[in-house]
Amino acid sequence: MLRSLKWRFFLYAAIVIFAVLLLIPSLTSELPSWYGKVIPTEKIHLGLDLQGGMHLVLEVEAEKAVESYMERFKNNLREDLRERGIPVGQLDREKDRIVLESSGDRGKLDRLLAERYGMMRVRELPSSQAGGGWRLELVLDSKQEEQIRKNAVDQALETIRNRVDQFGVSEPEITLQGTDRILIQLPGIKDPQRAINLIGQTALLEFKLLDEEGDLDEALKGNVPPGDIILYQRSVDPKTGAVKKIPYLLKERTMMTGEVLKDARVQIDTQFNEPYVALEFDDIGAKLFEQITGANVKKRLAIILDNNVYSAPVIQERIAGGRAQITGRFTMEEAKDLAIVLRAGALPAPVKIIEQRSVGPSLGQDSIEKGLWSTAVSALLVVLFMIFYYRLAGAVADIALVLNVILTLAALALFRA
């Protein structure tokens, strides 16, 4: 009997000592070098209110995802009409609807719409052409539109979660709030503005050809050729810090997007000792990039991120291997953040900040200190009352209570709860 009690005592003592050792990393960061090799050094996770950080509520602009879908639909329809020899008088997008006008073969169009665009509702409009013809309004089916909105929110949630994970924030909370809002809590964040830029950047990567035959000066005056757009490259003078915008006249058609991107890593340019982002495409992207570069040798291909031109190099030869790079006088931090958002993927729709709060570390430390003081005072009162009222039984209960608290806190530290 005594031997059994002795073994139990030593077992309990060993468990308590181990629990105390587990708690030490949560109390101090000054540990001997051997400590982490023998004892787990996980700490008790402190929430946003205790260690400080950032609280964000974002709203996904799902209607932009619908508009983007309709824009792609319009471009695809234009290509299909051209391939089938159907002349187009008008093909415009007005938010969530497409207006199509032509004097071509109506039967060909009806077959095309039935084969490839069955999700659209077609409505006849009065024709504006004097010689006849037809004019149609194509509207997205309501169920399809709702699905696009839902997919945009779900994809935005997953993309933001991937970005935050790669950013290195420990124990973030990222959850859906309502139908189109995302709640984000980032404990311990040191640079809130950098986190906001990282989370909120759409990161739509596109490759477009320059229209080198068009007149840029005329386009800047408002006479943009059909099928072209004007985008700008932001250039910062490293000496003065002055920002200069360089205009480019580009073909509106996107040759390739970041959907075929496999990886994005920061590299250092050995010639100028500046960081750049090296891109690697998947198998489909590599073949597509090789086809694009092979068919457009001696032409300029612009690399665009969120409608900002980063570079527009001349294609000297067909580029095989599925690799490219984005340069732009980045700082190392900017290059790393750009690589993160590219790896995580583009947001399907823009997001806007609905609510933003920052909790400073000093406020969190103040909460910890007040919590410790209140816990110590209340615990002391409980211990004294138990001993005064129950004598020896109260003292035993106090010891059991203290051991229970130690074991609970140790378990929280071990599992990083």
Protein backbone atom coordinates (compact mmCIF):
# COMPACT_ATOMS: atom_id res chain seq x y z
CA MET A 1 0.00 0.00 0.00
CA LEU A 2 2.77 2.42 0.98
CA ARG A 3 4.78 1.48 -2.11
CA SER A 4 1.75 2.21 -4.29
CA LEU A 5 1.27 5.61 -2.66
CA LYS A 6 4.96 6.39 -3.08
CA TRP A 7 4.86 5.63 -6.82
CA ARG A 8 1.75 7.73 -7.23
CA PHE A 9 3.42 10.61 -5.41
CA PHE A 10 6.51 10.46 -7.64
CA LEU A 11 4.34 10.17 -10.77
CA TYR A 12 2.25 13.20 -9.81
CA ALA A 13 5.38 15.13 -8.86
CA ALA A 14 6.99 14.34 -12.23
CA ILE A 15 3.86 15.45 -14.07
CA VAL A 16 3.72 18.72 -12.14
CA ILE A 17 7.43 19.43 -12.72
CA PHE A 18 7.00 18.75 -16.44
CA ALA A 19 3.96 21.04 -16.49
CA VAL A 20 5.96 23.83 -14.84
CA LEU A 21 8.75 23.37 -17.41
CA LEU A 22 6.16 23.65 -20.18
CA LEU A 23 4.94 26.94 -18.72
CA ILE A 24 8.36 28.59 -18.41
CA PRO A 25 8.60 29.62 -22.14
CA SER A 26 5.29 31.46 -21.73
CA LEU A 27 6.71 33.43 -18.82
CA THR A 28 10.14 34.35 -20.19
CA SER A 29 12.03 34.28 -23.47
CA GLU A 30 15.45 34.03 -21.80
CA LEU A 31 15.98 30.28 -21.96
CA PRO A 32 19.23 28.30 -22.07
CA SER A 33 20.25 26.89 -25.44
CA TRP A 34 19.62 23.29 -24.37
CA TYR A 35 16.05 23.99 -23.22
CA GLY A 36 14.37 23.68 -26.61
CA LYS A 37 16.13 20.38 -27.31
CA VAL A 38 14.67 18.77 -24.20
CA ILE A 39 11.41 20.59 -23.46
CA PRO A 40 8.80 21.85 -25.97
CA THR A 41 8.96 25.65 -26.13
CA GLU A 42 5.43 26.35 -27.34
CA LYS A 43 3.79 29.29 -25.62
CA ILE A 44 0.25 29.95 -24.53
CA HIS A 45 -1.45 31.71 -27.40
CA LEU A 46 -2.46 35.26 -26.55
CA GLY A 47 -5.44 36.65 -28.37
CA LEU A 48 -5.80 40.00 -30.09
CA ASP A 49 -6.85 41.73 -26.87
CA LEU A 50 -3.75 40.57 -24.98
CA GLN A 51 -0.83 40.81 -27.40
CA GLY A 52 -2.21 43.52 -29.66
CA GLY A 53 -2.79 43.33 -33.38
CA MET A 54 -5.35 44.23 -35.99
CA HIS A 55 -9.06 43.62 -36.44
CA LEU A 56 -10.50 43.97 -39.95
CA VAL A 57 -13.87 43.46 -41.55
CA LEU A 58 -13.74 43.35 -45.34
CA GLU A 59 -16.59 43.42 -47.80
CA VAL A 60 -16.19 41.52 -51.06
CA GLU A 61 -17.53 43.56 -53.97
CA ALA A 62 -19.16 40.54 -55.55
CA GLU A 63 -20.87 42.64 -58.21
CA LYS A 64 -17.40 43.33 -59.63
CA ALA A 65 -16.93 39.59 -60.06
CA VAL A 66 -20.15 39.50 -62.08
CA GLU A 67 -18.95 42.42 -64.20
CA SER A 68 -15.60 40.72 -64.75
CA TYR A 69 -17.40 37.54 -65.79
CA MET A 70 -19.52 39.50 -68.26
CA GLU A 71 -16.44 41.24 -69.66
CA ARG A 72 -14.79 37.87 -70.33
CA PHE A 73 -18.08 36.68 -71.79
CA LYS A 74 -18.13 39.65 -74.17
CA ASN A 75 -14.56 39.02 -75.32
CA ASN A 76 -15.21 35.31 -75.84
CA LEU A 77 -18.41 36.07 -77.75
CA ARG A 78 -16.56 38.53 -79.98
CA GLU A 79 -13.99 35.85 -80.85
CA ASP A 80 -16.70 33.26 -81.52
CA LEU A 81 -18.62 35.65 -83.76
CA ARG A 82 -15.46 36.41 -85.70
CA GLU A 83 -14.62 32.71 -86.13
CA ARG A 84 -18.12 31.94 -87.44
CA GLY A 85 -18.15 34.88 -89.81
CA ILE A 86 -20.98 36.78 -88.14
CA PRO A 87 -20.49 40.55 -88.59
CA VAL A 88 -20.83 42.67 -85.45
CA GLY A 89 -22.23 46.19 -85.52
CA GLN A 90 -22.31 46.65 -81.76
CA LEU A 91 -21.09 44.54 -78.88
CA ASP A 92 -21.07 46.41 -75.58
CA ARG A 93 -21.30 45.49 -71.93
CA GLU A 94 -23.54 47.53 -69.70
CA LYS A 95 -22.82 46.29 -66.17
CA ASP A 96 -24.49 42.85 -66.06
CA ARG A 97 -25.84 42.70 -69.61
CA ILE A 98 -24.48 42.53 -73.15
CA VAL A 99 -25.99 44.37 -76.12
CA LEU A 100 -25.30 42.76 -79.49
CA GLU A 101 -26.28 44.23 -82.85
CA SER A 102 -25.59 42.79 -86.30
CA SER A 103 -27.03 42.26 -89.75
CA GLY A 104 -25.53 38.79 -90.14
CA ASP A 105 -27.11 35.36 -90.28
CA ARG A 106 -29.49 35.13 -87.32
CA GLY A 107 -29.60 31.35 -87.54
CA LYS A 108 -25.84 31.10 -87.03
CA LEU A 109 -26.05 33.29 -83.96
CA ASP A 110 -28.94 31.34 -82.44
CA ARG A 111 -27.00 28.10 -82.85
CA LEU A 112 -23.90 29.68 -81.29
CA LEU A 113 -25.83 30.99 -78.29
CA ALA A 114 -27.56 27.64 -77.78
CA GLU A 115 -24.30 25.68 -78.00
CA ARG A 116 -22.00 27.81 -75.86
CA TYR A 117 -23.99 30.44 -73.99
CA GLY A 118 -27.03 28.65 -72.65
CA MET A 119 -26.67 30.38 -69.27
CA MET A 120 -27.76 33.69 -70.84
CA ARG A 121 -31.30 34.96 -71.24
CA VAL A 122 -31.85 36.53 -74.67
CA ARG A 123 -34.25 39.42 -75.27
CA GLU A 124 -35.02 41.08 -78.61
CA LEU A 125 -34.46 44.85 -78.81
CA PRO A 126 -35.46 47.32 -81.54
CA SER A 127 -32.71 47.54 -84.15
CA SER A 128 -30.99 50.88 -84.72
CA GLN A 129 -29.76 49.92 -88.18
CA ALA A 130 -31.60 51.55 -91.06
CA GLY A 131 -31.15 48.59 -93.37
CA GLY A 132 -32.59 46.06 -90.98
CA GLY A 133 -30.65 43.61 -88.88
CA TRP A 134 -31.27 42.57 -85.33
CA ARG A 135 -30.36 43.72 -81.84
CA LEU A 136 -30.24 41.47 -78.80
CA GLU A 137 -29.82 41.91 -75.07
CA LEU A 138 -28.03 39.06 -73.28
CA VAL A 139 -28.62 38.90 -69.53
CA LEU A 140 -27.03 36.46 -67.12
CA ASP A 141 -29.38 33.92 -65.54
CA SER A 142 -30.18 34.87 -61.93
CA LYS A 143 -29.06 31.50 -60.54
CA GLN A 144 -25.78 31.72 -62.44
CA GLU A 145 -25.24 35.27 -61.18
CA GLU A 146 -25.88 34.22 -57.59
CA GLN A 147 -23.41 31.35 -57.98
CA ILE A 148 -20.76 33.73 -59.32
CA ARG A 149 -21.24 35.99 -56.30
CA LYS A 150 -21.01 33.09 -53.86
CA ASN A 151 -17.93 31.67 -55.57
CA ALA A 152 -16.28 35.11 -55.46
CA VAL A 153 -16.76 35.37 -51.69
CA ASP A 154 -15.59 31.79 -51.06
CA GLN A 155 -12.54 32.23 -53.27
CA ALA A 156 -11.70 35.58 -51.66
CA LEU A 157 -11.86 33.95 -48.21
CA GLU A 158 -9.51 31.16 -49.27
CA THR A 159 -7.12 33.52 -51.07
CA ILE A 160 -6.87 35.87 -48.09
CA ARG A 161 -6.30 32.90 -45.78
CA ASN A 162 -3.44 31.71 -48.02
CA ARG A 163 -1.87 35.16 -48.08
CA VAL A 164 -2.02 35.55 -44.31
CA ASP A 165 -0.55 32.07 -43.80
CA GLN A 166 2.38 32.89 -46.08
CA PHE A 167 2.79 36.28 -44.39
CA GLY A 168 3.69 34.41 -41.21
CA VAL A 169 1.04 35.59 -38.73
CA SER A 170 0.55 33.03 -35.97
CA GLU A 171 -2.96 32.00 -34.98
CA PRO A 172 -4.93 34.34 -37.28
CA GLU A 173 -8.71 34.22 -37.30
CA ILE A 174 -10.28 34.50 -40.75
CA THR A 175 -13.97 33.72 -40.99
CA LEU A 176 -16.96 34.52 -43.16
CA GLN A 177 -19.37 37.03 -41.65
CA GLY A 178 -22.78 37.13 -43.27
CA THR A 179 -22.92 36.58 -47.02
CA ASP A 180 -20.21 38.89 -48.35
CA ARG A 181 -18.04 40.00 -45.43
CA ILE A 182 -14.82 38.53 -44.07
CA LEU A 183 -13.67 38.97 -40.47
CA ILE A 184 -9.89 39.01 -40.01
CA GLN A 185 -8.02 39.15 -36.70
CA LEU A 186 -4.23 39.23 -36.82
CA PRO A 187 -2.66 39.02 -33.34
CA GLY A 188 0.83 40.43 -32.90
CA ILE A 189 0.98 42.19 -36.27
CA LYS A 190 3.72 44.83 -36.26
CA ASP A 191 2.98 46.64 -39.53
CA PRO A 192 -0.80 47.02 -40.03
CA GLN A 193 -0.52 49.00 -43.27
CA ARG A 194 1.66 46.35 -44.88
CA ALA A 195 -0.84 43.68 -43.86
CA ILE A 196 -3.72 45.71 -45.32
CA ASN A 197 -1.86 46.15 -48.61
CA LEU A 198 -1.08 42.44 -48.73
CA ILE A 199 -4.63 41.34 -47.95
CA GLY A 200 -6.50 43.87 -50.07
CA GLN A 201 -4.44 43.74 -53.26
CA THR A 202 -6.42 42.13 -56.06
CA ALA A 203 -3.21 40.80 -57.69
CA LEU A 204 -4.63 40.22 -61.16
CA LEU A 205 -1.62 39.36 -63.33
CA GLU A 206 -2.06 39.88 -67.07
CA PHE A 207 0.10 39.81 -70.18
CA LYS A 208 -0.93 42.14 -73.03
CA LEU A 209 0.71 43.17 -76.29
CA LEU A 210 1.52 46.81 -76.99
CA ASP A 211 -0.21 48.43 -79.96
CA GLU A 212 2.92 49.77 -81.60
CA GLU A 213 1.04 50.86 -84.70
CA GLY A 214 -1.41 53.05 -82.80
CA ASP A 215 -0.81 56.73 -82.06
CA LEU A 216 -0.24 57.11 -78.32
CA ASP A 217 -0.49 60.91 -78.43
CA GLU A 218 -3.88 60.75 -80.12
CA ALA A 219 -5.02 58.09 -77.67
CA LEU A 220 -4.05 60.32 -74.74
CA LYS A 221 -6.26 63.03 -76.24
CA GLY A 222 -9.21 60.64 -76.05
CA ASN A 223 -9.02 59.03 -79.49
CA VAL A 224 -8.27 55.50 -78.32
CA PRO A 225 -8.34 53.00 -81.21
CA PRO A 226 -11.04 50.32 -80.96
CA GLY A 227 -9.79 47.28 -79.09
CA ASP A 228 -7.07 49.26 -77.28
CA ILE A 229 -6.65 50.61 -73.76
CA ILE A 230 -4.24 52.97 -72.04
CA LEU A 231 -2.44 51.81 -68.89
CA TYR A 232 0.43 53.38 -66.98
CA GLN A 233 3.73 52.32 -65.51
CA ARG A 234 4.58 53.89 -62.17
CA SER A 235 8.23 54.89 -62.01
CA VAL A 236 9.87 56.28 -58.86
CA ASP A 237 13.12 58.23 -59.06
CA PRO A 238 15.45 56.60 -56.49
CA LYS A 239 17.21 59.90 -55.77
CA THR A 240 14.34 62.37 -55.51
CA GLY A 241 11.44 60.02 -54.82
CA ALA A 242 9.43 61.72 -57.55
CA VAL A 243 6.71 59.54 -59.08
CA LYS A 244 6.34 59.49 -62.85
CA LYS A 245 3.58 57.78 -64.81
CA ILE A 246 4.54 56.38 -68.20
CA PRO A 247 1.57 55.70 -70.54
CA TYR A 248 1.30 52.63 -72.74
CA LEU A 249 -1.15 51.93 -75.55
CA LEU A 250 -2.05 48.27 -75.20
CA LYS A 251 -4.22 45.76 -76.98
CA GLU A 252 -7.28 45.19 -74.82
CA ARG A 253 -7.14 41.45 -75.34
CA THR A 254 -5.37 39.62 -72.52
CA MET A 255 -2.95 37.07 -73.91
CA MET A 256 -2.41 35.29 -70.61
CA THR A 257 -3.29 35.65 -66.91
CA GLY A 258 -1.88 34.58 -63.57
CA GLU A 259 -4.24 31.60 -63.47
CA VAL A 260 -1.49 29.52 -65.10
CA LEU A 261 1.13 30.64 -62.57
CA LYS A 262 2.83 27.82 -60.68
CA ASP A 263 5.26 29.72 -58.46
CA ALA A 264 6.63 33.18 -57.72
CA ARG A 265 9.91 33.72 -55.88
CA VAL A 266 12.11 36.67 -55.01
CA GLN A 267 15.50 36.70 -56.75
CA ILE A 268 18.36 39.20 -56.78
CA ASP A 269 19.54 40.76 -60.02
CA THR A 270 23.30 40.25 -59.93
CA GLN A 271 23.91 43.13 -62.33
CA PHE A 272 22.01 45.85 -60.45
CA ASN A 273 21.77 44.10 -57.05
CA GLU A 274 18.00 44.69 -56.98
CA PRO A 275 15.27 42.20 -56.10
CA TYR A 276 12.81 41.00 -58.72
CA VAL A 277 10.04 38.41 -58.78
CA ALA A 278 10.76 35.30 -60.82
CA LEU A 279 7.65 33.62 -62.27
CA GLU A 280 7.23 29.98 -63.16
CA PHE A 281 4.19 28.79 -65.11
CA ASP A 282 2.51 25.41 -65.02
CA ASP A 283 2.57 23.08 -68.04
CA ILE A 284 -0.38 24.79 -69.71
CA GLY A 285 1.06 28.23 -69.01
CA ALA A 286 4.51 27.26 -70.26
CA LYS A 287 3.10 26.08 -73.60
CA LEU A 288 0.89 29.16 -73.90
CA PHE A 289 3.78 31.51 -73.07
CA GLU A 290 5.96 29.79 -75.65
CA GLN A 291 3.22 30.16 -78.28
CA ILE A 292 2.68 33.84 -77.44
CA THR A 293 6.36 34.73 -77.54
CA GLY A 294 6.95 32.66 -80.67
CA ALA A 295 4.14 34.38 -82.56
CA ASN A 296 5.15 37.89 -81.48
CA VAL A 297 8.93 38.08 -81.85
CA LYS A 298 10.22 41.70 -81.91
CA LYS A 299 6.98 42.91 -80.36
CA ARG A 300 6.60 44.25 -76.82
CA LEU A 301 4.71 42.26 -74.21
CA ALA A 302 3.53 44.16 -71.15
CA ILE A 303 3.42 42.50 -67.73
CA ILE A 304 0.51 44.05 -65.83
CA LEU A 305 -0.59 43.70 -62.23
CA ASP A 306 -3.88 45.28 -61.18
CA ASN A 307 -3.88 47.54 -64.26
CA ASN A 308 -0.36 48.80 -63.50
CA VAL A 309 2.33 48.09 -66.09
CA TYR A 310 5.45 46.75 -64.41
CA SER A 311 7.52 46.18 -67.52
CA ALA A 312 7.09 45.91 -71.28
CA PRO A 313 10.11 44.11 -72.70
CA VAL A 314 10.69 43.34 -76.37
CA ILE A 315 10.28 39.64 -77.20
CA GLN A 316 13.64 38.76 -78.75
CA GLU A 317 12.86 35.11 -79.42
CA ARG A 318 10.51 32.27 -78.56
CA ILE A 319 10.75 31.66 -74.81
CA ALA A 320 10.50 28.04 -73.73
CA GLY A 321 10.66 26.66 -70.21
CA GLY A 322 7.74 28.64 -68.78
CA ARG A 323 9.66 31.34 -66.92
CA ALA A 324 9.40 35.12 -66.77
CA GLN A 325 10.22 37.89 -64.32
CA ILE A 326 8.70 41.08 -62.95
CA THR A 327 11.07 43.96 -62.34
CA GLY A 328 10.32 47.41 -61.02
CA ARG A 329 12.86 48.81 -58.54
CA PHE A 330 11.32 46.89 -55.64
CA THR A 331 12.49 46.95 -52.08
CA MET A 332 13.03 43.46 -50.69
CA GLU A 333 9.85 43.79 -48.62
CA GLU A 334 7.79 44.85 -51.65
CA ALA A 335 9.17 41.99 -53.73
CA LYS A 336 8.37 39.46 -51.00
CA ASP A 337 4.80 40.74 -50.63
CA LEU A 338 4.30 40.68 -54.40
CA ALA A 339 5.52 37.09 -54.55
CA ILE A 340 3.13 36.14 -51.74
CA VAL A 341 0.04 37.58 -53.42
CA LEU A 342 0.98 36.01 -56.75
CA ARG A 343 1.48 32.59 -55.19
CA ALA A 344 -1.77 32.85 -53.26
CA GLY A 345 -3.66 33.85 -56.40
CA ALA A 346 -5.71 36.84 -57.44
CA LEU A 347 -8.80 37.94 -55.61
CA PRO A 348 -11.87 37.29 -57.79
CA ALA A 349 -13.26 40.71 -56.84
CA PRO A 350 -12.00 43.80 -55.02
CA VAL A 351 -12.47 44.05 -51.27
CA LYS A 352 -13.05 47.18 -49.23
CA ILE A 353 -12.46 47.79 -45.55
CA ILE A 354 -15.70 48.18 -43.60
CA GLU A 355 -14.16 48.19 -40.13
CA GLN A 356 -10.59 48.51 -38.90
CA ARG A 357 -9.30 48.51 -35.35
CA SER A 358 -5.79 48.25 -34.01
CA VAL A 359 -4.91 47.09 -30.51
CA GLY A 360 -1.51 48.31 -29.39
CA PRO A 361 0.88 45.95 -27.58
CA SER A 362 1.00 48.33 -24.61
CA LEU A 363 -2.76 48.02 -24.19
CA GLY A 364 -2.46 44.25 -24.41
CA GLN A 365 0.33 44.22 -21.83
CA ASP A 366 -1.77 46.40 -19.55
CA SER A 367 -4.61 43.88 -19.84
CA ILE A 368 -2.23 41.03 -18.99
CA GLU A 369 -0.89 42.83 -15.92
CA LYS A 370 -4.35 43.70 -14.65
CA GLY A 371 -5.50 40.14 -15.27
CA LEU A 372 -2.55 38.72 -13.34
CA TRP A 373 -3.13 41.07 -10.43
CA SER A 374 -6.84 40.29 -10.24
CA THR A 375 -6.13 36.56 -10.49
CA ALA A 376 -3.50 36.70 -7.76
CA VAL A 377 -5.68 38.70 -5.37
CA SER A 378 -8.77 36.55 -5.92
CA ALA A 379 -6.74 33.33 -5.63
CA LEU A 380 -5.18 34.52 -2.37
CA LEU A 381 -8.59 35.35 -0.92
CA VAL A 382 -9.94 31.92 -1.91
CA VAL A 383 -6.92 30.15 -0.38
CA LEU A 384 -7.17 32.08 2.89
CA PHE A 385 -10.90 31.51 3.15
CA MET A 386 -10.57 27.76 2.46
CA ILE A 387 -7.83 27.37 5.09
CA PHE A 388 -9.66 29.51 7.65
CA TYR A 389 -13.00 27.76 7.22
CA TYR A 390 -12.01 24.14 6.42
CA ARG A 391 -8.56 23.99 8.08
CA LEU A 392 -6.53 21.02 6.79
CA ALA A 393 -9.16 19.93 4.26
CA GLY A 394 -9.19 23.46 2.87
CA ALA A 395 -5.40 23.45 2.50
CA VAL A 396 -5.56 20.15 0.61
CA ALA A 397 -8.27 21.55 -1.66
CA ASP A 398 -6.13 24.66 -2.28
CA ILE A 399 -3.15 22.52 -3.31
CA ALA A 400 -5.35 20.49 -5.65
CA LEU A 401 -6.75 23.70 -7.16
CA VAL A 402 -3.28 25.15 -7.78
CA LEU A 403 -2.07 21.91 -9.37
CA ASN A 404 -5.16 21.81 -11.56
CA VAL A 405 -4.49 25.37 -12.79
CA ILE A 406 -0.84 24.52 -13.53
CA LEU A 407 -1.79 21.39 -15.48
CA THR A 408 -4.47 23.25 -17.44
CA LEU A 409 -2.11 26.08 -18.41
CA ALA A 410 0.60 23.58 -19.35
CA ALA A 411 -1.84 21.78 -21.64
CA LEU A 412 -2.76 25.11 -23.26
CA ALA A 413 0.93 25.83 -23.87
CA LEU A 414 1.66 22.35 -25.22
CA PHE A 415 -1.17 22.51 -27.74
CA ARG A 416 -0.62 26.23 -28.49
CA ALA A 417 -4.20 26.98 -27.52
